[in-house]
């Protein structure tokens, strides 16, 4: 899942821009992982659809600009299978961030 998020971030980061970052935060309740790029801003109308199977914000659906539209969907399925969630935010001049939150479980 993290590999897919990082590949997406790298694909959508233009040359000359800071490379993507991976941040991790462990709290008493959750483990939060965020992958952020300084690349293209995703228009707000697409954000809620990006985790739908086969959805691509690129209307041309050119192979050079992305995959089949399954990566973020599968990442969300993985997060949910572990009781977690996935969220996406995108702002001009700040880039796009995908955050996955997993609940911590006590080991018996």
N, C-alpha and C. Protein backbone atom coordinates (compact mmCIF):
# COMPACT_ATOMS: atom_id res chain seq x y z
N UNK A 1 0.82 -1.17 0.00
CA UNK A 1 0.00 0.00 0.00
C UNK A 1 0.88 1.26 0.00
N UNK A 2 1.86 1.31 0.88
CA UNK A 2 2.73 2.48 0.94
C UNK A 2 3.53 2.61 -0.35
N UNK A 3 3.94 1.48 -0.91
CA UNK A 3 4.67 1.51 -2.19
C UNK A 3 3.81 2.16 -3.28
N UNK A 4 2.55 1.79 -3.34
CA UNK A 4 1.65 2.35 -4.34
C UNK A 4 1.47 3.86 -4.12
N UNK A 5 1.29 4.27 -2.87
CA UNK A 5 1.13 5.69 -2.58
C UNK A 5 2.38 6.48 -2.97
N UNK A 6 3.54 5.90 -2.70
CA UNK A 6 4.79 6.57 -3.06
C UNK A 6 4.97 6.63 -4.57
N UNK A 7 4.64 5.55 -5.28
CA UNK A 7 4.75 5.56 -6.75
C UNK A 7 3.83 6.63 -7.34
N UNK A 8 2.61 6.75 -6.82
CA UNK A 8 1.70 7.79 -7.28
C UNK A 8 2.29 9.17 -7.05
N UNK A 9 2.82 9.38 -5.85
CA UNK A 9 3.40 10.69 -5.52
C UNK A 9 4.57 11.02 -6.44
N UNK A 10 5.41 10.04 -6.70
CA UNK A 10 6.54 10.26 -7.60
C UNK A 10 6.08 10.55 -9.02
N UNK A 11 5.08 9.82 -9.49
CA UNK A 11 4.57 10.00 -10.85
C UNK A 11 4.02 11.40 -11.05
N UNK A 12 3.43 11.96 -10.01
CA UNK A 12 2.77 13.26 -10.15
C UNK A 12 3.57 14.41 -9.56
N UNK A 13 4.87 14.20 -9.40
CA UNK A 13 5.76 15.27 -8.94
C UNK A 13 6.63 15.69 -10.12
N UNK A 14 6.46 16.91 -10.59
CA UNK A 14 7.26 17.36 -11.72
C UNK A 14 8.73 17.57 -11.34
N UNK A 15 9.59 17.55 -12.33
CA UNK A 15 11.01 17.80 -12.10
C UNK A 15 11.18 19.20 -11.51
N UNK A 16 12.18 19.32 -10.64
CA UNK A 16 12.47 20.61 -10.04
C UNK A 16 11.67 20.92 -8.79
N UNK A 17 10.79 20.00 -8.40
CA UNK A 17 9.98 20.17 -7.20
C UNK A 17 10.52 19.24 -6.13
N UNK A 18 10.39 19.62 -4.88
CA UNK A 18 10.84 18.77 -3.78
C UNK A 18 10.28 17.36 -3.94
N UNK A 19 11.05 16.34 -3.61
CA UNK A 19 10.53 14.97 -3.73
C UNK A 19 9.44 14.70 -2.70
N UNK A 20 8.63 13.69 -2.95
CA UNK A 20 7.57 13.34 -2.00
C UNK A 20 8.15 12.99 -0.63
N UNK A 21 7.31 13.15 0.37
CA UNK A 21 7.71 12.81 1.73
C UNK A 21 6.77 11.74 2.29
N UNK A 22 7.30 10.95 3.22
CA UNK A 22 6.50 9.98 3.95
C UNK A 22 6.63 10.35 5.42
N UNK A 23 5.50 10.58 6.06
CA UNK A 23 5.48 10.89 7.48
C UNK A 23 4.72 9.80 8.22
N UNK A 24 5.17 9.53 9.43
CA UNK A 24 4.55 8.49 10.25
C UNK A 24 4.38 9.03 11.66
N UNK A 25 3.22 8.80 12.24
CA UNK A 25 2.94 9.24 13.59
C UNK A 25 2.26 8.11 14.35
N UNK A 26 2.84 7.73 15.45
CA UNK A 26 2.29 6.66 16.28
C UNK A 26 1.78 7.28 17.57
N UNK A 27 0.49 7.11 17.83
CA UNK A 27 -0.11 7.60 19.07
C UNK A 27 -0.62 6.40 19.86
N UNK A 28 -1.21 6.67 21.01
CA UNK A 28 -1.75 5.57 21.81
C UNK A 28 -2.91 4.88 21.09
N UNK A 29 -3.62 5.62 20.23
CA UNK A 29 -4.79 5.06 19.56
C UNK A 29 -4.54 4.61 18.12
N UNK A 30 -3.64 5.30 17.40
CA UNK A 30 -3.52 5.09 15.95
C UNK A 30 -2.08 5.10 15.47
N UNK A 31 -1.93 4.56 14.25
CA UNK A 31 -0.71 4.75 13.48
C UNK A 31 -1.14 5.47 12.21
N UNK A 32 -0.57 6.64 11.99
CA UNK A 32 -0.93 7.47 10.85
C UNK A 32 0.25 7.57 9.91
N UNK A 33 0.02 7.28 8.64
CA UNK A 33 1.05 7.37 7.62
C UNK A 33 0.54 8.30 6.52
N UNK A 34 1.37 9.29 6.16
CA UNK A 34 1.00 10.23 5.10
C UNK A 34 2.09 10.27 4.04
N UNK A 35 1.66 10.25 2.80
CA UNK A 35 2.57 10.44 1.66
C UNK A 35 2.12 11.72 0.98
N UNK A 36 3.06 12.66 0.85
CA UNK A 36 2.74 13.99 0.32
C UNK A 36 3.69 14.34 -0.80
N UNK A 37 3.14 14.93 -1.86
CA UNK A 37 4.00 15.43 -2.93
C UNK A 37 3.74 16.91 -3.13
N UNK A 38 4.68 17.58 -3.73
CA UNK A 38 4.54 19.00 -4.02
C UNK A 38 4.14 19.21 -5.47
N UNK A 39 3.56 18.21 -6.05
CA UNK A 39 3.23 18.25 -7.47
C UNK A 39 1.88 18.87 -7.75
N UNK A 40 1.23 18.27 -8.69
CA UNK A 40 -0.02 18.80 -9.20
C UNK A 40 -1.11 18.80 -8.13
N UNK A 41 -1.92 19.83 -8.16
CA UNK A 41 -3.09 19.91 -7.29
C UNK A 41 -4.24 19.18 -7.99
N UNK A 42 -4.95 18.38 -7.23
CA UNK A 42 -6.10 17.67 -7.77
C UNK A 42 -7.34 18.53 -7.52
N UNK A 43 -8.12 18.83 -8.56
CA UNK A 43 -9.32 19.64 -8.36
C UNK A 43 -10.26 19.00 -7.34
N UNK A 44 -10.87 19.84 -6.52
CA UNK A 44 -11.72 19.38 -5.41
C UNK A 44 -12.82 18.43 -5.85
N UNK A 45 -13.36 18.63 -7.04
CA UNK A 45 -14.48 17.78 -7.47
C UNK A 45 -14.06 16.33 -7.71
N UNK A 46 -12.76 16.07 -7.82
CA UNK A 46 -12.28 14.71 -8.04
C UNK A 46 -11.91 13.98 -6.74
N UNK A 47 -11.61 14.71 -5.69
CA UNK A 47 -11.05 14.11 -4.48
C UNK A 47 -11.91 12.98 -3.91
N UNK A 48 -13.21 13.18 -3.82
CA UNK A 48 -14.07 12.15 -3.22
C UNK A 48 -14.23 10.92 -4.11
N UNK A 49 -13.84 11.01 -5.36
CA UNK A 49 -14.00 9.89 -6.30
C UNK A 49 -12.73 9.08 -6.51
N UNK A 50 -11.59 9.58 -6.04
CA UNK A 50 -10.31 8.95 -6.35
C UNK A 50 -10.17 7.53 -5.81
N UNK A 51 -10.95 7.17 -4.81
CA UNK A 51 -10.87 5.81 -4.27
C UNK A 51 -11.93 4.89 -4.87
N UNK A 52 -12.65 5.37 -5.87
CA UNK A 52 -13.60 4.52 -6.59
C UNK A 52 -12.83 3.69 -7.61
N UNK A 53 -13.23 2.42 -7.80
CA UNK A 53 -12.51 1.59 -8.78
C UNK A 53 -12.58 2.18 -10.18
N UNK A 54 -11.44 2.21 -10.84
CA UNK A 54 -11.27 2.64 -12.23
C UNK A 54 -11.45 4.15 -12.43
N UNK A 55 -11.59 4.92 -11.37
CA UNK A 55 -11.75 6.37 -11.51
C UNK A 55 -10.39 7.01 -11.74
N UNK A 56 -10.32 7.90 -12.71
CA UNK A 56 -9.10 8.66 -12.97
C UNK A 56 -9.49 10.11 -13.21
N UNK A 57 -8.82 11.02 -12.55
CA UNK A 57 -9.10 12.44 -12.72
C UNK A 57 -8.70 12.91 -14.12
N UNK A 58 -7.73 12.24 -14.74
CA UNK A 58 -7.28 12.56 -16.08
C UNK A 58 -8.30 12.05 -17.09
N UNK A 59 -9.09 12.96 -17.66
CA UNK A 59 -10.15 12.55 -18.58
C UNK A 59 -9.60 11.89 -19.84
N UNK A 60 -8.37 12.23 -20.22
CA UNK A 60 -7.77 11.61 -21.40
C UNK A 60 -7.42 10.15 -21.14
N UNK A 61 -7.25 9.79 -19.86
CA UNK A 61 -6.93 8.43 -19.44
C UNK A 61 -5.71 7.87 -20.18
N UNK A 62 -4.73 8.73 -20.38
CA UNK A 62 -3.51 8.30 -21.05
C UNK A 62 -2.69 7.44 -20.11
N UNK A 63 -2.12 6.37 -20.63
CA UNK A 63 -1.33 5.44 -19.82
C UNK A 63 -0.12 6.13 -19.20
N UNK A 64 0.43 7.14 -19.88
CA UNK A 64 1.61 7.83 -19.38
C UNK A 64 1.31 8.62 -18.10
N UNK A 65 0.05 9.00 -17.89
CA UNK A 65 -0.29 9.83 -16.74
C UNK A 65 -0.80 9.03 -15.56
N UNK A 66 -0.83 7.73 -15.66
CA UNK A 66 -1.30 6.94 -14.52
C UNK A 66 -1.61 5.52 -14.90
N UNK A 67 -2.14 4.81 -13.94
CA UNK A 67 -2.44 3.39 -14.13
C UNK A 67 -3.88 3.19 -14.55
N UNK A 68 -4.48 2.15 -13.97
CA UNK A 68 -5.83 1.77 -14.35
C UNK A 68 -6.92 2.38 -13.47
N UNK A 69 -6.53 3.11 -12.45
CA UNK A 69 -7.51 3.68 -11.55
C UNK A 69 -7.89 2.73 -10.43
N UNK A 70 -7.03 1.78 -10.13
CA UNK A 70 -7.32 0.82 -9.06
C UNK A 70 -6.44 1.03 -7.82
N UNK A 71 -5.34 1.71 -7.95
CA UNK A 71 -4.37 1.81 -6.86
C UNK A 71 -4.93 2.39 -5.58
N UNK A 72 -5.55 3.57 -5.67
CA UNK A 72 -6.08 4.20 -4.47
C UNK A 72 -7.29 3.43 -3.93
N UNK A 73 -8.05 2.83 -4.82
CA UNK A 73 -9.16 1.98 -4.38
C UNK A 73 -8.63 0.82 -3.54
N UNK A 74 -7.59 0.15 -4.03
CA UNK A 74 -7.02 -0.98 -3.30
C UNK A 74 -6.38 -0.54 -1.99
N UNK A 75 -5.75 0.62 -1.99
CA UNK A 75 -5.18 1.14 -0.74
C UNK A 75 -6.28 1.36 0.30
N UNK A 76 -7.40 1.90 -0.14
CA UNK A 76 -8.52 2.11 0.78
C UNK A 76 -9.06 0.78 1.29
N UNK A 77 -9.17 -0.20 0.42
CA UNK A 77 -9.66 -1.52 0.83
C UNK A 77 -8.72 -2.14 1.88
N UNK A 78 -7.43 -1.99 1.66
CA UNK A 78 -6.45 -2.52 2.63
C UNK A 78 -6.60 -1.81 3.97
N UNK A 79 -6.70 -0.49 3.94
CA UNK A 79 -6.86 0.27 5.18
C UNK A 79 -8.12 -0.17 5.91
N UNK A 80 -9.22 -0.29 5.20
CA UNK A 80 -10.48 -0.68 5.82
C UNK A 80 -10.44 -2.11 6.34
N UNK A 81 -9.72 -2.99 5.65
CA UNK A 81 -9.61 -4.38 6.11
C UNK A 81 -8.91 -4.46 7.46
N UNK A 82 -8.11 -3.45 7.77
CA UNK A 82 -7.41 -3.41 9.05
C UNK A 82 -8.09 -2.45 10.04
N UNK A 83 -9.33 -2.08 9.74
CA UNK A 83 -10.08 -1.20 10.63
C UNK A 83 -9.71 0.26 10.52
N UNK A 84 -9.02 0.62 9.44
CA UNK A 84 -8.53 1.98 9.28
C UNK A 84 -9.29 2.76 8.23
N UNK A 85 -8.68 3.88 7.84
CA UNK A 85 -9.30 4.75 6.85
C UNK A 85 -8.22 5.40 5.98
N UNK A 86 -8.65 5.93 4.85
CA UNK A 86 -7.76 6.62 3.92
C UNK A 86 -8.42 7.94 3.56
N UNK A 87 -7.66 9.02 3.57
CA UNK A 87 -8.19 10.31 3.16
C UNK A 87 -7.18 11.00 2.24
N UNK A 88 -7.71 11.86 1.38
CA UNK A 88 -6.88 12.56 0.40
C UNK A 88 -7.19 14.05 0.48
N UNK A 89 -6.14 14.86 0.52
CA UNK A 89 -6.31 16.31 0.47
C UNK A 89 -5.35 16.86 -0.57
N UNK A 90 -5.73 17.98 -1.17
CA UNK A 90 -4.90 18.58 -2.21
C UNK A 90 -5.11 20.08 -2.22
N UNK A 91 -4.00 20.82 -2.20
CA UNK A 91 -4.06 22.28 -2.21
C UNK A 91 -3.03 22.83 -3.19
N UNK A 92 -3.41 23.90 -3.86
CA UNK A 92 -2.45 24.56 -4.76
C UNK A 92 -1.23 24.99 -3.98
N UNK A 93 -0.08 24.86 -4.58
CA UNK A 93 1.23 25.21 -4.03
C UNK A 93 1.62 24.39 -2.80
N UNK A 94 0.78 23.47 -2.37
CA UNK A 94 1.14 22.59 -1.26
C UNK A 94 1.18 21.13 -1.69
N UNK A 95 0.49 20.81 -2.79
CA UNK A 95 0.50 19.45 -3.30
C UNK A 95 -0.63 18.60 -2.76
N UNK A 96 -0.44 17.31 -2.90
CA UNK A 96 -1.46 16.33 -2.53
C UNK A 96 -0.92 15.43 -1.44
N UNK A 97 -1.78 15.13 -0.49
CA UNK A 97 -1.40 14.26 0.62
C UNK A 97 -2.42 13.15 0.78
N UNK A 98 -1.94 11.92 0.87
CA UNK A 98 -2.80 10.77 1.15
C UNK A 98 -2.43 10.27 2.53
N UNK A 99 -3.42 10.21 3.40
CA UNK A 99 -3.18 9.80 4.78
C UNK A 99 -3.97 8.54 5.09
N UNK A 100 -3.27 7.58 5.66
CA UNK A 100 -3.89 6.32 6.07
C UNK A 100 -3.77 6.24 7.59
N UNK A 101 -4.89 5.92 8.24
CA UNK A 101 -4.90 5.80 9.69
C UNK A 101 -5.32 4.38 10.06
N UNK A 102 -4.45 3.73 10.82
CA UNK A 102 -4.73 2.38 11.32
C UNK A 102 -4.92 2.46 12.84
N UNK A 103 -5.96 1.83 13.38
CA UNK A 103 -6.09 1.80 14.83
C UNK A 103 -5.06 0.85 15.42
N UNK A 104 -4.53 1.24 16.57
CA UNK A 104 -3.61 0.35 17.28
C UNK A 104 -4.44 -0.67 18.05
N UNK A 105 -3.93 -1.84 18.09
CA UNK A 105 -4.60 -2.89 18.84
C UNK A 105 -3.64 -3.42 19.88
N UNK A 106 -4.14 -3.58 21.08
CA UNK A 106 -3.31 -4.15 22.14
C UNK A 106 -3.07 -5.61 21.86
N UNK A 107 -1.85 -6.04 22.10
CA UNK A 107 -1.52 -7.46 21.94
C UNK A 107 -1.78 -8.17 23.26
N UNK A 108 -2.39 -9.31 23.17
CA UNK A 108 -2.69 -10.08 24.39
C UNK A 108 -1.50 -10.88 24.82
